[in-house]
Amino acid sequence: MWCRAEGAHGTRVVLADRDPSSTAQQWTWAANRGLVSKKSGTCLDATGPGSTNGTPLQIWTCGGSEQQRWTLPTTASAAERA
C-alpha cells in the first residue's frame, strides 16, 4: 500500500494500491526531513500533536513543524524513497 493525497490543504492522506503514474503517490524528501507531495507541493502532516499509531495524516502547507518531520527506515528501497 502507498500513501495517496489529492486535493486541497487539509486533505486526508489515504492508503491506496500502488499507481506509479500517479503524482498523488509521489513524495520528495526535503532537507528538513519533510515529505513533499509532487502533486500539490504540500507536506505530509500529522494532525494535531499526535505521533502514535493511528494518528490521522493530511497534506498541509510546509512549515517545518514537528508534525511534518519524518524518519525513513534505513531499509527503504530507492523506489520507496522516491
C-alpha atoms as a PDB file:
ATOM      1  CA  MET A   1       0.000   0.000   0.000  1.00  0.00           C
ATOM      2  CA  TRP A   2       1.135   3.537  -0.787  1.00  0.00           C
ATOM      3  CA  CYS A   3       0.185   6.941   0.641  1.00  0.00           C
ATOM      4  CA  ARG A   4      -2.006   8.980  -1.664  1.00  0.00           C
ATOM      5  CA  ALA A   5      -3.131  12.578  -1.248  1.00  0.00           C
ATOM      6  CA  GLU A   6      -5.233  14.515  -3.715  1.00  0.00           C
ATOM      7  CA  GLY A   7      -6.996  17.769  -3.061  1.00  0.00           C
ATOM      8  CA  ALA A   8      -6.574  20.953  -1.133  1.00  0.00           C
ATOM      9  CA  HIS A   9      -4.846  21.989   2.062  1.00  0.00           C
ATOM     10  CA  GLY A  10      -6.044  19.716   4.901  1.00  0.00           C
ATOM     11  CA  THR A  11      -6.938  16.743   2.681  1.00  0.00           C
ATOM     12  CA  ARG A  12      -6.610  13.406   4.484  1.00  0.00           C
ATOM     13  CA  VAL A  13      -3.922  11.040   3.257  1.00  0.00           C
ATOM     14  CA  VAL A  14      -5.158   7.536   2.466  1.00  0.00           C
ATOM     15  CA  LEU A  15      -3.553   4.188   1.703  1.00  0.00           C
ATOM     16  CA  ALA A  16      -4.085   3.007  -1.854  1.00  0.00           C
ATOM     17  CA  ASP A  17      -2.815   0.402  -4.295  1.00  0.00           C
ATOM     18  CA  ARG A  18       0.412   1.486  -5.966  1.00  0.00           C
ATOM     19  CA  ASP A  19      -0.027   3.502  -9.160  1.00  0.00           C
ATOM     20  CA  PRO A  20       3.416   4.517 -10.487  1.00  0.00           C
ATOM     21  CA  SER A  21       1.845   7.051 -12.864  1.00  0.00           C
ATOM     22  CA  SER A  22       0.023   8.951 -10.103  1.00  0.00           C
ATOM     23  CA  THR A  23       1.791  12.075  -8.804  1.00  0.00           C
ATOM     24  CA  ALA A  24      -0.634  11.871  -5.857  1.00  0.00           C
ATOM     25  CA  GLN A  25       1.509   8.951  -4.635  1.00  0.00           C
ATOM     26  CA  GLN A  26       4.894  10.547  -5.268  1.00  0.00           C
ATOM     27  CA  TRP A  27       6.733  12.302  -2.467  1.00  0.00           C
ATOM     28  CA  THR A  28      10.032  14.186  -2.336  1.00  0.00           C
ATOM     29  CA  TRP A  29      12.349  14.004   0.686  1.00  0.00           C
ATOM     30  CA  ALA A  30      13.096  17.570   1.864  1.00  0.00           C
ATOM     31  CA  ALA A  31      16.229  18.733   3.680  1.00  0.00           C
ATOM     32  CA  ASN A  32      14.192  19.437   6.852  1.00  0.00           C
ATOM     33  CA  ARG A  33      13.063  15.754   6.989  1.00  0.00           C
ATOM     34  CA  GLY A  34       9.713  16.593   5.402  1.00  0.00           C
ATOM     35  CA  LEU A  35       7.874  14.654   2.706  1.00  0.00           C
ATOM     36  CA  VAL A  36       6.539  16.926  -0.050  1.00  0.00           C
ATOM     37  CA  SER A  37       3.749  15.828  -2.400  1.00  0.00           C
ATOM     38  CA  LYS A  38       4.807  16.076  -6.050  1.00  0.00           C
ATOM     39  CA  LYS A  39       1.150  16.695  -6.962  1.00  0.00           C
ATOM     40  CA  SER A  40       0.338  19.571  -4.618  1.00  0.00           C
ATOM     41  CA  GLY A  41       3.661  20.828  -3.234  1.00  0.00           C
ATOM     42  CA  THR A  42       2.263  20.447   0.285  1.00  0.00           C
ATOM     43  CA  CYS A  43       3.807  18.407   3.110  1.00  0.00           C
ATOM     44  CA  LEU A  44       2.749  15.180   4.785  1.00  0.00           C
ATOM     45  CA  ASP A  45       1.460  16.326   8.178  1.00  0.00           C
ATOM     46  CA  ALA A  46       0.311  14.515  11.335  1.00  0.00           C
ATOM     47  CA  THR A  47      -2.939  16.077  12.510  1.00  0.00           C
ATOM     48  CA  GLY A  48      -2.589  17.784  15.877  1.00  0.00           C
ATOM     49  CA  PRO A  49       0.312  16.897  18.163  1.00  0.00           C
ATOM     50  CA  GLY A  50      -0.160  13.135  17.731  1.00  0.00           C
ATOM     51  CA  SER A  51       2.636  10.742  16.830  1.00  0.00           C
ATOM     52  CA  THR A  52       1.227   7.397  17.917  1.00  0.00           C
ATOM     53  CA  ASN A  53      -0.062   4.568  15.728  1.00  0.00           C
ATOM     54  CA  GLY A  54      -3.380   5.574  14.199  1.00  0.00           C
ATOM     55  CA  THR A  55      -2.682   9.334  14.119  1.00  0.00           C
ATOM     56  CA  PRO A  56      -4.507  10.696  11.032  1.00  0.00           C
ATOM     57  CA  LEU A  57      -2.322  12.214   8.313  1.00  0.00           C
ATOM     58  CA  GLN A  58      -3.117  15.076   5.957  1.00  0.00           C
ATOM     59  CA  ILE A  59      -1.409  17.367   3.463  1.00  0.00           C
ATOM     60  CA  TRP A  60      -0.678  20.858   4.723  1.00  0.00           C
ATOM     61  CA  THR A  61       1.367  23.919   3.813  1.00  0.00           C
ATOM     62  CA  CYS A  62       5.025  23.133   4.516  1.00  0.00           C
ATOM     63  CA  GLY A  63       6.233  24.868   7.655  1.00  0.00           C
ATOM     64  CA  GLY A  64       8.876  22.557   9.103  1.00  0.00           C
ATOM     65  CA  SER A  65       6.877  21.785  12.257  1.00  0.00           C
ATOM     66  CA  GLU A  66       7.422  18.600  14.248  1.00  0.00           C
ATOM     67  CA  GLN A  67       4.179  17.246  12.749  1.00  0.00           C
ATOM     68  CA  GLN A  68       5.928  17.400   9.343  1.00  0.00           C
ATOM     69  CA  ARG A  69       9.219  15.694  10.256  1.00  0.00           C
ATOM     70  CA  TRP A  70       9.687  12.044   9.374  1.00  0.00           C
ATOM     71  CA  THR A  71      12.291   9.321   9.697  1.00  0.00           C
ATOM     72  CA  LEU A  72      12.560   6.874   6.828  1.00  0.00           C
ATOM     73  CA  PRO A  73      13.605   3.322   7.651  1.00  0.00           C
ATOM     74  CA  THR A  74      17.185   2.552   6.691  1.00  0.00           C
ATOM     75  CA  THR A  75      15.882  -0.472   4.790  1.00  0.00           C
ATOM     76  CA  ALA A  76      13.728   1.647   2.452  1.00  0.00           C
ATOM     77  CA  SER A  77      14.418   0.932  -1.204  1.00  0.00           C
ATOM     78  CA  ALA A  78      15.187   3.643  -3.748  1.00  0.00           C
ATOM     79  CA  ALA A  79      11.605   3.361  -5.064  1.00  0.00           C
ATOM     80  CA  GLU A  80      10.191   3.858  -1.573  1.00  0.00           C
ATOM     81  CA  ARG A  81      12.379   6.921  -1.065  1.00  0.00           C
ATOM     82  CA  ALA A  82      11.417   8.479  -4.417  1.00  0.00           C
END
